N, C-alpha and C. Protein backbone atom coordinates (compact mmCIF):
# COMPACT_ATOMS: atom_id res chain seq x y z
N UNK A 1 -10.70 -16.54 -2.82
CA UNK A 1 -10.34 -15.28 -2.96
C UNK A 1 -9.12 -15.53 -3.80
N UNK A 2 -8.45 -14.43 -4.66
CA UNK A 2 -7.59 -14.27 -5.77
C UNK A 2 -6.95 -13.14 -5.55
N UNK A 3 -5.65 -13.20 -5.60
CA UNK A 3 -5.02 -11.74 -6.20
C UNK A 3 -4.30 -11.69 -7.71
N UNK A 4 -4.98 -10.52 -8.21
CA UNK A 4 -5.00 -10.18 -9.66
C UNK A 4 -3.84 -8.72 -9.66
N UNK A 5 -2.96 -9.18 -10.00
CA UNK A 5 -2.39 -7.97 -10.77
C UNK A 5 -2.55 -7.15 -11.87
N UNK A 6 -2.21 -5.77 -11.75
CA UNK A 6 -2.78 -4.78 -12.68
C UNK A 6 -3.76 -4.27 -12.28
N UNK A 7 -3.86 -3.08 -13.46
CA UNK A 7 -5.23 -2.48 -13.22
C UNK A 7 -5.99 -2.33 -14.26
N UNK A 8 -7.36 -2.27 -13.81
CA UNK A 8 -8.36 -2.37 -15.09
C UNK A 8 -8.89 -0.63 -14.52
N UNK A 9 -9.68 -0.28 -15.92
CA UNK A 9 -10.16 0.97 -15.64
C UNK A 9 -11.36 0.96 -14.07
N UNK A 10 -11.85 -0.17 -14.28
CA UNK A 10 -13.15 -0.12 -13.14
C UNK A 10 -12.59 0.16 -11.40
N UNK A 11 -11.08 0.08 -11.44
CA UNK A 11 -10.44 -0.31 -10.19
C UNK A 11 -10.18 1.21 -9.83
N UNK A 12 -10.12 1.91 -10.61
CA UNK A 12 -10.27 3.54 -9.98
C UNK A 12 -11.26 4.02 -8.61
N UNK A 13 -13.10 3.34 -9.52
CA UNK A 13 -13.57 3.62 -8.06
C UNK A 13 -13.54 2.69 -6.74
N UNK A 14 -12.93 1.44 -7.02
CA UNK A 14 -12.88 0.72 -5.82
C UNK A 14 -11.75 1.47 -5.02
N UNK A 15 -10.59 2.24 -5.67
CA UNK A 15 -9.44 2.70 -4.66
C UNK A 15 -9.69 3.55 -4.05
N UNK A 16 -10.70 3.91 -4.56
CA UNK A 16 -11.66 5.39 -3.98
C UNK A 16 -12.75 5.07 -2.62
N UNK A 17 -13.32 3.86 -3.02
CA UNK A 17 -14.25 4.02 -2.31
C UNK A 17 -13.01 2.86 -0.82
N UNK A 18 -12.53 1.69 -1.14
CA UNK A 18 -11.14 1.43 -0.04
C UNK A 18 -11.02 2.08 0.96
N UNK A 19 -10.55 3.08 0.07
CA UNK A 19 -9.44 4.10 1.08
C UNK A 19 -10.62 4.99 1.79
N UNK A 20 -11.69 5.49 0.71
CA UNK A 20 -12.38 6.33 1.99
C UNK A 20 -13.67 5.32 2.97
N UNK A 21 -13.42 3.94 2.71
CA UNK A 21 -14.31 3.24 4.04
C UNK A 21 -13.30 3.13 5.07
N UNK A 22 -11.80 3.59 5.12
CA UNK A 22 -11.05 3.34 6.10
C UNK A 22 -11.28 4.41 7.05
N UNK A 23 -11.90 5.95 6.73
CA UNK A 23 -11.72 6.89 7.71
C UNK A 23 -10.75 7.35 7.75
N UNK A 24 -9.26 7.16 7.21
CA UNK A 24 -7.63 7.51 7.61
C UNK A 24 -7.18 8.48 6.61
N UNK A 25 -8.19 8.58 5.75
CA UNK A 25 -7.19 8.90 4.53
C UNK A 25 -7.98 10.22 4.25
N UNK A 26 -7.09 11.47 3.66
CA UNK A 26 -7.55 12.86 3.38
C UNK A 26 -7.97 12.62 2.17
N UNK A 27 -9.67 13.68 1.39
CA UNK A 27 -9.69 13.38 0.58
C UNK A 27 -8.25 13.48 -1.00
N UNK A 28 -7.30 14.44 -0.70
CA UNK A 28 -6.32 14.68 -1.65
C UNK A 28 -5.77 13.21 -1.45
N UNK A 29 -5.46 12.59 -0.53
CA UNK A 29 -4.60 11.56 -0.45
C UNK A 29 -5.40 10.29 -1.11
N UNK A 30 -6.56 10.62 -0.98
CA UNK A 30 -7.28 9.84 -2.02
C UNK A 30 -7.38 10.22 -3.64
N UNK A 31 -7.51 10.86 -3.55
CA UNK A 31 -7.45 11.40 -5.50
C UNK A 31 -5.73 10.86 -5.53
N UNK A 32 -4.35 10.88 -4.88
CA UNK A 32 -3.14 10.73 -5.52
C UNK A 32 -3.20 9.45 -5.41
N UNK A 33 -4.33 8.12 -4.60
CA UNK A 33 -3.68 7.04 -5.60
C UNK A 33 -4.79 7.04 -6.48
N UNK A 34 -5.38 7.17 -6.65
CA UNK A 34 -7.00 7.24 -7.69
C UNK A 34 -5.61 7.74 -9.27
N UNK A 35 -5.38 8.90 -9.12
CA UNK A 35 -4.55 9.73 -10.06
C UNK A 35 -3.36 8.95 -10.42
N UNK A 36 -2.96 7.66 -9.39
CA UNK A 36 -1.49 7.21 -9.89
C UNK A 36 -2.29 6.00 -10.07
N UNK A 37 -3.24 5.27 -10.13
CA UNK A 37 -3.82 4.83 -10.51
C UNK A 37 -4.28 4.97 -12.17
N UNK A 38 -4.77 5.65 -12.23
CA UNK A 38 -5.04 6.53 -14.02
C UNK A 38 -3.42 6.37 -14.70
N UNK A 39 -2.37 7.18 -13.96
CA UNK A 39 -1.30 6.70 -14.81
C UNK A 39 -0.80 5.81 -15.40
N UNK A 40 -0.98 4.69 -14.41
CA UNK A 40 -0.52 3.42 -14.63
C UNK A 40 -1.45 2.60 -15.82
N UNK A 41 -2.70 3.30 -15.80
CA UNK A 41 -3.64 2.59 -16.61
C UNK A 41 -2.66 3.65 -17.91
N UNK A 42 -2.70 4.33 -17.95
CA UNK A 42 -2.35 4.65 -19.08
C UNK A 42 -1.06 4.50 -19.74
N UNK A 43 0.10 4.54 -19.04
CA UNK A 43 1.77 4.02 -19.22
C UNK A 43 1.99 3.11 -18.73
N UNK A 44 1.14 2.31 -18.20
CA UNK A 44 1.61 0.53 -17.45
C UNK A 44 2.41 0.79 -16.40
N UNK A 45 3.29 -0.19 -16.26
CA UNK A 45 4.69 -0.55 -14.86
C UNK A 45 5.40 0.27 -15.27
N UNK A 46 5.59 0.73 -16.51
CA UNK A 46 6.84 1.56 -16.27
C UNK A 46 7.20 2.52 -15.39
N UNK A 47 5.66 2.86 -14.75
CA UNK A 47 5.62 4.07 -14.31
C UNK A 47 6.27 4.05 -12.46
N UNK A 48 6.68 2.49 -12.90
CA UNK A 48 7.19 2.18 -11.09
C UNK A 48 6.41 1.76 -10.68
N UNK A 49 4.75 1.81 -10.69
CA UNK A 49 3.82 1.44 -9.76
C UNK A 49 3.50 -0.32 -10.16
N UNK A 50 3.23 -0.87 -9.24
CA UNK A 50 2.81 -2.34 -9.53
C UNK A 50 1.34 -2.16 -8.47
N UNK A 51 0.25 -2.43 -8.87
CA UNK A 51 -1.15 -2.57 -8.61
C UNK A 51 -1.44 -3.85 -7.94
N UNK A 52 -1.88 -4.74 -7.24
CA UNK A 52 -2.15 -5.55 -6.71
C UNK A 52 -3.57 -5.78 -6.27
N UNK A 53 -4.94 -6.41 -6.69
CA UNK A 53 -5.99 -6.40 -5.95
C UNK A 53 -6.74 -7.50 -5.77
N UNK A 54 -6.98 -7.55 -4.03
CA UNK A 54 -7.70 -8.66 -3.87
C UNK A 54 -9.00 -9.38 -3.80
N UNK A 55 -9.49 -9.69 -4.53
CA UNK A 55 -10.92 -10.36 -5.07
C UNK A 55 -11.41 -11.31 -4.40
N UNK A 56 -12.71 -11.15 -4.23
CA UNK A 56 -13.53 -12.38 -3.93
C UNK A 56 -14.30 -13.05 -5.12
N UNK A 57 -14.57 -11.65 -5.42
CA UNK A 57 -15.91 -12.32 -7.23
C UNK A 57 -14.76 -10.98 -8.15
N UNK A 58 -14.59 -11.87 -9.65
CA UNK A 58 -13.99 -11.52 -10.49
C UNK A 58 -13.98 -9.66 -10.33
N UNK A 59 -13.04 -8.99 -10.33
CA UNK A 59 -13.10 -7.65 -10.67
C UNK A 59 -13.60 -6.78 -9.86
N UNK A 60 -13.81 -7.29 -8.68
CA UNK A 60 -14.33 -6.44 -7.72
C UNK A 60 -13.81 -6.50 -6.32
N UNK A 61 -12.51 -5.67 -6.27
CA UNK A 61 -11.81 -5.86 -5.20
C UNK A 61 -12.40 -5.53 -3.66
N UNK A 62 -11.64 -6.34 -2.94
CA UNK A 62 -11.80 -5.87 -1.35
C UNK A 62 -10.97 -5.34 -0.86
N UNK A 63 -9.66 -4.92 -1.49
CA UNK A 63 -8.41 -4.68 -1.13
C UNK A 63 -7.56 -4.43 -2.20
N UNK A 64 -6.36 -3.55 -2.29
CA UNK A 64 -5.48 -3.42 -2.53
C UNK A 64 -4.08 -3.07 -2.18
N UNK A 65 -2.80 -3.30 -2.91
CA UNK A 65 -2.00 -2.73 -2.99
C UNK A 65 -1.05 -1.81 -3.81
N UNK A 66 0.23 -1.32 -3.45
CA UNK A 66 0.99 -0.57 -4.57
C UNK A 66 2.33 -0.70 -4.15
N UNK A 67 3.16 -1.28 -5.10
CA UNK A 67 4.32 -0.99 -4.66
C UNK A 67 5.55 -0.73 -6.30
N UNK A 68 6.63 -0.32 -5.49
CA UNK A 68 7.29 0.01 -6.64
C UNK A 68 9.08 -0.01 -6.02
N UNK A 69 9.79 -0.01 -7.36
CA UNK A 69 11.24 0.05 -6.67
C UNK A 69 11.50 1.80 -6.37
N UNK A 70 12.48 1.70 -5.37
CA UNK A 70 12.88 3.39 -5.05
C UNK A 70 13.21 3.89 -5.98
N UNK A 71 13.49 5.08 -6.65
CA UNK A 71 14.22 5.35 -7.76
C UNK A 71 15.68 5.68 -6.92
N UNK A 72 17.02 5.35 -8.13
CA UNK A 72 18.55 5.91 -7.66
C UNK A 72 18.56 4.41 -6.16
N UNK A 73 18.28 3.56 -5.78
CA UNK A 73 18.80 2.37 -5.31
C UNK A 73 18.80 1.21 -5.61
N UNK A 74 19.57 0.13 -5.27
CA UNK A 74 19.51 -0.79 -5.83
C UNK A 74 18.72 -2.06 -4.95
N UNK A 75 17.92 -2.71 -5.77
CA UNK A 75 17.20 -3.39 -5.30
C UNK A 75 16.13 -3.29 -3.84
N UNK A 76 15.78 -1.80 -3.51
CA UNK A 76 14.56 -1.36 -2.49
C UNK A 76 13.54 -0.89 -3.38
N UNK A 77 12.47 -1.05 -2.41
CA UNK A 77 10.88 -0.91 -2.70
C UNK A 77 10.40 -0.42 -2.24
N UNK A 78 9.57 0.38 -2.46
CA UNK A 78 8.62 1.07 -1.54
C UNK A 78 7.09 0.42 -1.63
N UNK A 79 6.66 0.34 -0.33
CA UNK A 79 5.15 0.15 -0.23
C UNK A 79 4.38 1.03 -0.09
N UNK A 80 3.33 1.99 -1.35
CA UNK A 80 3.17 2.95 -1.06
C UNK A 80 1.90 3.17 -0.35
N UNK A 81 0.86 1.70 -1.38
CA UNK A 81 -0.65 2.16 -0.54
C UNK A 81 -0.95 0.64 -0.47
N UNK A 82 -1.30 0.16 0.87
CA UNK A 82 -2.09 -1.12 0.56
C UNK A 82 -3.70 -0.22 1.50
N UNK A 83 -4.49 -1.37 1.12
CA UNK A 83 -5.56 -1.15 2.05
C UNK A 83 -6.77 -2.01 1.73
N UNK A 84 -7.79 -1.86 2.80
CA UNK A 84 -8.74 -3.18 2.59
C UNK A 84 -10.05 -2.24 3.08
N UNK A 85 -11.39 -2.92 2.23
CA UNK A 85 -12.32 -2.32 2.52
C UNK A 85 -12.61 -2.30 4.05
N UNK A 86 -13.26 -1.36 4.74
CA UNK A 86 -13.91 -1.41 6.01
C UNK A 86 -14.64 -2.50 6.51
N UNK A 87 -15.27 -3.06 5.75
CA UNK A 87 -16.44 -4.03 5.59
C UNK A 87 -15.68 -5.27 5.87
N UNK A 88 -14.51 -5.56 5.21
CA UNK A 88 -13.50 -6.71 4.79
C UNK A 88 -12.28 -6.86 5.73
N UNK A 89 -11.98 -6.09 6.65
CA UNK A 89 -11.02 -6.39 7.61
C UNK A 89 -11.48 -6.89 8.82
N UNK A 90 -10.09 -7.49 8.92
CA UNK A 90 -10.04 -8.13 10.26
C UNK A 90 -10.43 -10.18 9.80
N UNK A 91 -10.36 -10.07 8.61
CA UNK A 91 -10.53 -11.61 8.02
C UNK A 91 -8.67 -11.76 7.60
N UNK A 92 -7.78 -11.12 7.59
CA UNK A 92 -6.47 -11.42 7.24
C UNK A 92 -5.94 -11.21 5.68
N UNK A 93 -7.13 -10.26 5.43
CA UNK A 93 -6.72 -9.78 3.73
C UNK A 93 -5.65 -8.96 3.88
N UNK A 94 -5.34 -8.45 4.42
CA UNK A 94 -3.95 -7.14 4.48
C UNK A 94 -2.89 -7.51 4.72
N UNK A 95 -3.00 -8.38 5.26
CA UNK A 95 -1.64 -9.54 5.80
C UNK A 95 -1.49 -10.19 3.95
N UNK A 96 -2.90 -10.97 3.84
CA UNK A 96 -2.22 -11.77 2.27
C UNK A 96 -1.90 -10.83 1.61
N UNK A 97 -2.05 -9.50 1.22
CA UNK A 97 -2.05 -8.46 0.13
C UNK A 97 -0.44 -7.97 0.48
N UNK A 98 0.26 -8.20 2.09
CA UNK A 98 1.27 -7.76 2.30
C UNK A 98 2.36 -9.05 1.60
N UNK A 99 1.95 -9.73 2.30
CA UNK A 99 2.63 -11.08 1.42
C UNK A 99 3.01 -11.58 0.37
N UNK A 100 2.17 -11.25 -0.49
CA UNK A 100 2.35 -10.83 -2.09
C UNK A 100 3.11 -9.80 -2.53
N UNK A 101 2.67 -9.05 -2.03
CA UNK A 101 3.74 -7.57 -1.88
C UNK A 101 4.84 -8.07 -2.46
N UNK A 102 5.11 -8.78 -1.03
CA UNK A 102 6.52 -9.18 -1.07
C UNK A 102 7.52 -9.98 -1.63
N UNK A 103 6.06 -11.35 -2.09
CA UNK A 103 6.86 -12.17 -3.03
C UNK A 103 7.00 -11.68 -4.37
N UNK A 104 6.21 -10.76 -4.89
CA UNK A 104 6.48 -10.04 -6.13
C UNK A 104 8.16 -9.43 -6.17
N UNK A 105 8.05 -8.77 -5.38
CA UNK A 105 9.22 -7.88 -4.97
C UNK A 105 10.63 -9.59 -4.73
N UNK A 106 10.57 -9.84 -4.33
CA UNK A 106 11.72 -11.20 -3.93
C UNK A 106 11.90 -11.39 -4.70
N UNK A 107 10.63 -11.77 -6.16
CA UNK A 107 11.16 -12.30 -7.60
C UNK A 107 11.05 -11.49 -7.94
N UNK A 108 11.40 -9.74 -8.15
CA UNK A 108 12.04 -9.04 -9.05
C UNK A 108 13.28 -8.51 -8.63
N UNK A 109 14.10 -9.45 -7.37
CA UNK A 109 15.39 -8.85 -7.15
C UNK A 109 15.11 -8.35 -5.73
N UNK A 110 14.05 -7.85 -5.62
CA UNK A 110 14.34 -6.75 -4.49
C UNK A 110 14.63 -7.17 -3.07
N UNK A 111 15.19 -6.82 -2.54
CA UNK A 111 16.02 -6.93 -1.29
C UNK A 111 15.54 -6.03 0.26
N UNK A 112 15.09 -5.02 0.05
CA UNK A 112 14.24 -4.53 1.19
C UNK A 112 12.88 -3.80 0.93
N UNK A 113 12.08 -4.00 1.77
CA UNK A 113 10.81 -2.93 1.03
C UNK A 113 10.59 -1.98 2.79
N UNK A 114 10.68 -1.01 1.98
CA UNK A 114 10.11 0.27 3.01
C UNK A 114 8.79 0.41 2.75
N UNK A 115 8.10 0.88 4.09
CA UNK A 115 7.02 1.10 4.39
C UNK A 115 6.71 2.52 5.14
N UNK A 116 5.80 3.43 4.84
CA UNK A 116 5.96 5.19 5.64
C UNK A 116 4.28 4.88 6.15
N UNK A 117 4.39 5.79 7.39
CA UNK A 117 3.04 5.70 7.49
C UNK A 117 3.03 6.70 8.72
N UNK A 118 1.72 7.26 9.06
CA UNK A 118 1.55 8.59 10.02
C UNK A 118 1.59 7.75 11.41
N UNK A 119 2.04 8.71 12.20
CA UNK A 119 2.04 8.60 14.06
C UNK A 119 1.32 9.08 14.46
N UNK A 120 -0.62 9.57 13.95
CA UNK A 120 -1.85 9.45 14.28
C UNK A 120 -1.73 8.53 15.23
N UNK A 121 -3.06 8.42 15.74
CA UNK A 121 -3.55 7.64 16.82
C UNK A 121 -4.38 6.93 16.37
N UNK A 122 -5.43 7.44 15.12
CA UNK A 122 -5.86 6.34 14.60
C UNK A 122 -5.11 5.36 13.18
N UNK A 123 -3.58 5.71 13.71
CA UNK A 123 -2.83 4.94 12.61
C UNK A 123 -2.14 3.40 13.12
N UNK A 124 -2.00 3.98 14.86
CA UNK A 124 -1.57 2.51 15.51
C UNK A 124 -2.05 1.81 14.92
N UNK A 125 -3.33 0.58 15.03
CA UNK A 125 -3.46 -0.31 14.76
C UNK A 125 -2.70 -0.27 12.99
N UNK A 126 -2.66 0.40 12.31
CA UNK A 126 -1.81 0.46 10.67
C UNK A 126 -0.32 -0.23 11.56
N UNK A 127 0.40 0.50 12.63
CA UNK A 127 1.79 0.95 12.49
C UNK A 127 2.16 -0.91 13.79
N UNK A 128 1.04 -1.07 14.40
CA UNK A 128 0.70 -2.59 14.92
C UNK A 128 1.16 -4.12 13.98
N UNK A 129 0.74 -3.81 12.56
CA UNK A 129 0.39 -4.77 11.99
C UNK A 129 1.45 -4.45 11.00
N UNK A 130 2.05 -3.39 10.87
CA UNK A 130 3.71 -3.74 9.94
C UNK A 130 3.93 -4.86 11.06
N UNK A 131 4.31 -4.02 12.48
CA UNK A 131 5.40 -4.74 13.68
C UNK A 131 4.97 -6.34 13.55
N UNK A 132 3.51 -6.58 13.54
CA UNK A 132 3.48 -7.94 13.87
C UNK A 132 3.87 -8.98 12.29
N UNK A 133 3.87 -8.17 11.43
CA UNK A 133 3.90 -8.43 10.41
C UNK A 133 6.14 -8.87 9.88
N UNK A 134 6.42 -8.62 10.78
CA UNK A 134 7.95 -8.00 10.60
C UNK A 134 8.98 -7.12 10.31
N UNK A 135 8.03 -6.26 10.41
CA UNK A 135 8.81 -4.74 9.94
C UNK A 135 9.57 -3.91 11.28
N UNK A 136 10.42 -3.22 11.14
CA UNK A 136 10.55 -2.73 12.29
C UNK A 136 11.06 -1.39 11.96
N UNK A 137 10.76 -0.61 12.94
CA UNK A 137 10.41 1.11 13.27
C UNK A 137 12.57 1.25 12.35
N UNK A 138 12.82 1.92 11.51
CA UNK A 138 13.97 2.46 10.95
C UNK A 138 14.36 4.39 11.60
N UNK A 139 13.25 4.83 11.59
CA UNK A 139 13.03 6.24 11.70
C UNK A 139 11.80 6.53 11.67
N UNK A 140 11.73 8.22 12.77
CA UNK A 140 10.33 8.72 13.32
C UNK A 140 11.12 10.05 12.77
N UNK A 141 10.14 10.60 11.60
CA UNK A 141 10.51 11.90 11.53
C UNK A 141 9.35 13.11 12.12
N UNK A 142 9.96 13.59 12.79
CA UNK A 142 8.82 14.70 13.59
C UNK A 142 8.07 15.96 13.06
N UNK A 143 6.76 15.81 13.04
CA UNK A 143 6.25 16.69 12.38
C UNK A 143 5.97 16.44 11.07
N UNK A 144 6.44 15.77 9.90
CA UNK A 144 6.50 15.62 9.16
C UNK A 144 5.05 15.83 8.11
N UNK A 145 4.10 15.11 8.60
CA UNK A 145 3.16 15.68 7.40
C UNK A 145 1.71 16.83 8.06
N UNK A 146 2.17 17.16 9.53
CA UNK A 146 2.02 18.08 9.78
C UNK A 146 2.31 18.05 11.54
N UNK A 147 2.42 19.31 12.10
CA UNK A 147 2.11 19.74 12.96
C UNK A 147 1.81 18.55 14.25
N UNK A 148 2.16 17.86 14.88
CA UNK A 148 1.97 16.58 15.68
C UNK A 148 2.09 15.55 14.81
N UNK A 149 1.82 15.32 13.92
CA UNK A 149 2.11 14.65 12.86
C UNK A 149 3.29 13.79 12.41
N UNK A 150 3.71 13.12 12.75
CA UNK A 150 5.26 12.63 12.61
C UNK A 150 4.90 11.17 11.27
N UNK A 151 6.22 10.87 10.63
CA UNK A 151 6.31 9.74 9.57
C UNK A 151 7.34 9.21 10.61
N UNK A 152 6.45 7.69 10.40
CA UNK A 152 7.15 6.50 10.73
C UNK A 152 7.56 5.93 9.30
N UNK A 153 8.93 5.21 9.76
CA UNK A 153 9.46 4.45 8.07
C UNK A 153 9.95 3.27 8.99
N UNK A 154 9.26 2.25 7.94
CA UNK A 154 9.07 0.65 8.67
C UNK A 154 10.38 0.06 7.31
N UNK A 155 10.99 -1.08 7.78
CA UNK A 155 11.89 -1.70 6.55
C UNK A 155 11.41 -2.94 7.11
N UNK A 156 11.95 -4.17 6.09
CA UNK A 156 12.38 -5.35 6.61
C UNK A 156 12.76 -5.88 5.31
N UNK A 157 13.72 -6.13 5.36
CA UNK A 157 15.06 -7.50 4.37
C UNK A 157 13.97 -8.24 4.01
N UNK A 158 13.71 -8.85 2.70
CA UNK A 158 13.13 -9.60 2.45
C UNK A 158 13.64 -11.00 1.61
């Protein structure tokens, strides 16, 4: 198992496959993640996004994460995306990706990482995952994404 920092052109298709496999994301969300990947391919990490890919085989990701500094803050970072292909879930890969993001953020001087996610029932395992990994709920914004779909904001001091 290896973690690769940076994005390759072939990773765009893997981002799409990984997110689609979860059944959690709308098509427009998957497109947004792929568009961010394309932007980083074109402009690099000065976009504010850093990609990590978890691979069993070279350049064949099973999971990925994207993080970056929160604009106009001091040493605060967002985890924008984290995903593991449905067939590879339950093996601790998400935890490895999350901990690797935290490690890189700390190395870059980051002090706090924020994570946002949905209140939908199918996101309950996701919210439990963050709590098990030392994150706390900072706030819940009612009906943020849609009626009945609130936004949870988690944080962790690194």
